[in-house]
């Protein structure tokens, strides 16, 4: 399935954080809460994922569609095989798609994250410190290999974009509690330099 544009727009905005590197440091203090009904809330916006017997229902907030032609949004999604698209009274949009289409969407997100990791590691600002970034299969754990001699406490700010995209993958996958464990390892020795959870606990 081709990418569903509004959903991928959301991801492109998130992935843009990665390319900005340390420029997103002010966002470290923003709280991201994933509630029990597969909801992520940030800046009063919510993404809901409901996995039903045969289909998957996605509800995306109105803030993701600002300035867009909603009729075109519906046409594009239906043309890509989404079963149903509803523009709700509050401006949010509900998509109903098959589970196979949902898997394809998740695979597209995985590809975008992989591309972002490649870009991140190639960035001149990052390459001296960061040597490798990998995720486990469900994007609940990220392992980052670093040059310990170049590593400083504020270095983790450069990872915000990647951390947030991993949590977003979980949300789009219907995970109840979107948390990412981050393990910082010394590239040469494998020594644990730092471990923490994202979002940061209160």
Protein backbone atom coordinates (compact mmCIF):
# COMPACT_ATOMS: atom_id res chain seq x y z
CA UNK A 1 0.00 0.00 0.00
CA UNK A 2 1.26 3.46 -0.80
CA UNK A 3 1.69 5.74 2.17
CA UNK A 4 -1.47 7.30 3.50
CA UNK A 5 -0.53 10.94 3.25
CA UNK A 6 -2.01 12.40 6.47
CA UNK A 7 -0.57 9.57 8.55
CA UNK A 8 2.80 9.89 6.89
CA UNK A 9 2.63 13.67 7.28
CA UNK A 10 2.48 13.06 11.01
CA UNK A 11 5.52 10.83 10.81
CA UNK A 12 7.40 13.24 8.56
CA UNK A 13 6.91 15.98 11.14
CA UNK A 14 8.27 13.70 13.82
CA UNK A 15 11.14 12.49 11.65
CA UNK A 16 12.02 16.11 10.97
CA UNK A 17 13.12 16.30 14.60
CA UNK A 18 15.85 13.78 13.82
CA UNK A 19 17.37 15.83 11.05
CA UNK A 20 17.43 18.85 13.34
CA UNK A 21 19.68 17.04 15.83
CA UNK A 22 20.25 19.09 18.95
CA UNK A 23 17.95 21.82 17.76
CA UNK A 24 15.03 20.19 19.55
CA UNK A 25 16.43 20.30 23.05
CA UNK A 26 13.49 22.30 24.42
CA UNK A 27 11.21 19.36 23.69
CA UNK A 28 13.03 17.09 26.18
CA UNK A 29 10.87 18.43 28.97
CA UNK A 30 7.54 17.94 27.16
CA UNK A 31 5.52 15.06 28.58
CA UNK A 32 4.28 12.34 26.23
CA UNK A 33 1.66 10.11 27.82
CA UNK A 34 0.42 6.91 26.19
CA UNK A 35 -2.85 5.96 27.85
CA UNK A 36 -4.45 2.53 28.17
CA UNK A 37 -6.59 2.92 25.05
CA UNK A 38 -3.53 3.27 22.82
CA UNK A 39 -3.61 7.06 22.98
CA UNK A 40 -0.66 9.40 22.75
CA UNK A 41 -1.28 12.93 23.96
CA UNK A 42 1.00 15.85 23.19
CA UNK A 43 -0.01 19.50 22.92
CA UNK A 44 -3.66 18.49 23.44
CA UNK A 45 -3.68 16.19 20.37
CA UNK A 46 -4.54 12.50 20.46
CA UNK A 47 -3.90 9.51 18.26
CA UNK A 48 -6.13 6.50 18.91
CA UNK A 49 -5.58 2.98 17.59
CA UNK A 50 -8.18 0.25 17.95
CA UNK A 51 -7.43 -3.25 16.67
CA UNK A 52 -10.68 -4.99 15.86
CA UNK A 53 -11.30 -8.55 14.68
CA UNK A 54 -10.69 -7.90 10.99
CA UNK A 55 -9.85 -4.21 10.75
CA UNK A 56 -7.80 -1.50 12.43
CA UNK A 57 -9.31 1.89 13.25
CA UNK A 58 -7.06 4.95 13.44
CA UNK A 59 -8.27 8.29 14.74
CA UNK A 60 -5.97 11.22 14.05
CA UNK A 61 -6.43 14.70 15.58
CA UNK A 62 -7.52 17.77 13.67
CA UNK A 63 -4.10 19.38 14.21
CA UNK A 64 -2.59 16.97 11.67
CA UNK A 65 -4.84 18.23 8.90
CA UNK A 66 -4.51 21.99 9.18
CA UNK A 67 -4.61 23.64 5.77
CA UNK A 68 -5.45 20.43 3.92
CA UNK A 69 -8.34 19.83 1.53
CA UNK A 70 -10.31 17.24 3.48
CA UNK A 71 -12.13 15.95 0.40
CA UNK A 72 -8.75 15.26 -1.17
CA UNK A 73 -7.58 13.60 2.04
CA UNK A 74 -10.54 11.24 1.82
CA UNK A 75 -10.06 10.58 -1.90
CA UNK A 76 -6.36 9.80 -1.47
CA UNK A 77 -6.96 7.36 1.38
CA UNK A 78 -9.82 5.58 -0.38
CA UNK A 79 -7.73 5.34 -3.56
CA UNK A 80 -5.04 3.57 -1.55
CA UNK A 81 -7.54 0.97 -0.38
CA UNK A 82 -8.58 2.28 3.03
CA UNK A 83 -12.06 0.91 3.71
CA UNK A 84 -13.57 4.04 5.22
CA UNK A 85 -12.55 7.62 5.99
CA UNK A 86 -14.65 9.83 8.26
CA UNK A 87 -14.05 13.49 9.00
CA UNK A 88 -15.47 13.96 12.49
CA UNK A 89 -17.23 17.05 13.85
CA UNK A 90 -14.15 18.04 15.88
CA UNK A 91 -11.97 17.97 12.76
CA UNK A 92 -10.30 14.68 13.61
CA UNK A 93 -10.24 11.96 10.95
CA UNK A 94 -10.99 8.27 11.42
CA UNK A 95 -9.52 5.66 9.07
CA UNK A 96 -10.68 2.06 8.93
CA UNK A 97 -8.26 -0.27 7.15
CA UNK A 98 -7.53 -3.96 6.93
CA UNK A 99 -4.93 -5.51 9.19
CA UNK A 100 -2.71 -6.19 6.19
CA UNK A 101 -2.87 -2.50 5.21
CA UNK A 102 -2.03 -1.58 8.78
CA UNK A 103 1.03 -3.86 8.68
CA UNK A 104 2.15 -2.20 5.46
CA UNK A 105 1.79 1.20 7.09
CA UNK A 106 3.93 0.06 10.02
CA UNK A 107 6.55 -1.26 7.60
CA UNK A 108 6.62 2.13 5.92
CA UNK A 109 7.20 3.77 9.31
CA UNK A 110 10.02 1.30 9.99
CA UNK A 111 11.62 2.22 6.68
CA UNK A 112 11.41 5.92 7.46
CA UNK A 113 12.98 5.35 10.88
CA UNK A 114 15.80 3.33 9.29
CA UNK A 115 16.41 6.11 6.77
CA UNK A 116 16.46 8.64 9.60
CA UNK A 117 19.03 6.59 11.52
CA UNK A 118 21.28 6.56 8.44
CA UNK A 119 20.91 10.32 8.08
CA UNK A 120 21.49 10.85 11.80
CA UNK A 121 24.73 8.89 11.85
CA UNK A 122 26.01 10.65 8.74
CA UNK A 123 25.40 14.12 10.17
CA UNK A 124 28.64 15.94 10.93
CA UNK A 125 27.26 17.06 14.28
CA UNK A 126 26.66 13.46 15.35
CA UNK A 127 29.25 11.24 13.72
CA UNK A 128 32.08 11.90 16.19
CA UNK A 129 29.94 10.76 19.14
CA UNK A 130 27.37 8.32 17.75
CA UNK A 131 28.59 5.18 15.99
CA UNK A 132 25.51 2.96 15.70
CA UNK A 133 21.79 2.98 16.51
CA UNK A 134 19.64 -0.14 16.56
CA UNK A 135 16.12 -1.04 17.76
CA UNK A 136 14.52 -4.26 18.91
CA UNK A 137 11.66 -5.70 16.88
CA UNK A 138 8.80 -3.79 18.52
CA UNK A 139 10.68 -0.51 18.98
CA UNK A 140 10.52 -0.62 22.77
CA UNK A 141 14.31 -0.62 23.17
CA UNK A 142 17.01 1.39 21.43
CA UNK A 143 20.73 0.63 21.68
CA UNK A 144 23.11 3.46 20.87
CA UNK A 145 26.85 2.88 20.55
CA UNK A 146 28.95 5.94 21.28
CA UNK A 147 32.54 7.08 21.51
CA UNK A 148 32.74 7.51 25.26
CA UNK A 149 35.52 10.09 24.96
CA UNK A 150 33.19 12.33 22.94
CA UNK A 151 30.06 11.65 24.96
CA UNK A 152 28.59 14.27 27.30
CA UNK A 153 25.38 14.45 29.31
CA UNK A 154 23.69 16.75 26.79
CA UNK A 155 24.53 14.40 23.90
CA UNK A 156 21.25 12.55 24.46
CA UNK A 157 19.34 15.63 23.30
CA UNK A 158 20.39 14.80 19.75
CA UNK A 159 18.46 11.54 20.03
CA UNK A 160 15.06 13.13 20.68
CA UNK A 161 13.78 12.67 17.15
CA UNK A 162 14.66 8.98 17.05
CA UNK A 163 13.26 8.39 20.53
CA UNK A 164 9.97 10.04 19.67
CA UNK A 165 9.57 8.14 16.39
CA UNK A 166 10.05 4.83 18.23
CA UNK A 167 7.26 5.76 20.66
CA UNK A 168 5.09 6.87 17.74
CA UNK A 169 5.64 3.50 16.07
CA UNK A 170 4.38 1.85 19.23
CA UNK A 171 1.31 4.10 19.28
CA UNK A 172 0.45 3.34 15.65
CA UNK A 173 0.94 -0.33 16.49
CA UNK A 174 -1.64 -0.08 19.29
CA UNK A 175 0.76 -0.44 22.22
CA UNK A 176 -0.91 0.34 25.52
CA UNK A 177 2.07 1.92 27.24
CA UNK A 178 4.48 3.66 24.91
CA UNK A 179 7.86 3.56 26.60
CA UNK A 180 11.31 3.32 25.08
CA UNK A 181 14.32 1.99 26.96
CA UNK A 182 17.52 3.64 25.74
CA UNK A 183 20.86 1.92 26.30
CA UNK A 184 24.03 3.93 25.65
CA UNK A 185 27.04 1.64 25.17
CA UNK A 186 30.69 2.42 24.62
CA UNK A 187 31.47 1.50 21.02
CA UNK A 188 34.85 -0.06 21.83
CA UNK A 189 34.20 -1.94 25.06
CA UNK A 190 30.42 -2.50 25.18
CA UNK A 191 30.38 -0.85 28.61
CA UNK A 192 27.04 0.68 29.62
CA UNK A 193 27.53 4.45 29.62
CA UNK A 194 23.94 5.35 30.49
CA UNK A 195 20.44 3.86 30.46
CA UNK A 196 17.13 5.68 30.75
CA UNK A 197 13.50 5.51 29.72
CA UNK A 198 11.80 7.81 27.23
CA UNK A 199 9.57 9.66 27.98
CA UNK A 200 11.30 10.52 31.20
CA UNK A 201 9.40 9.44 34.30
CA UNK A 202 8.26 12.11 36.72
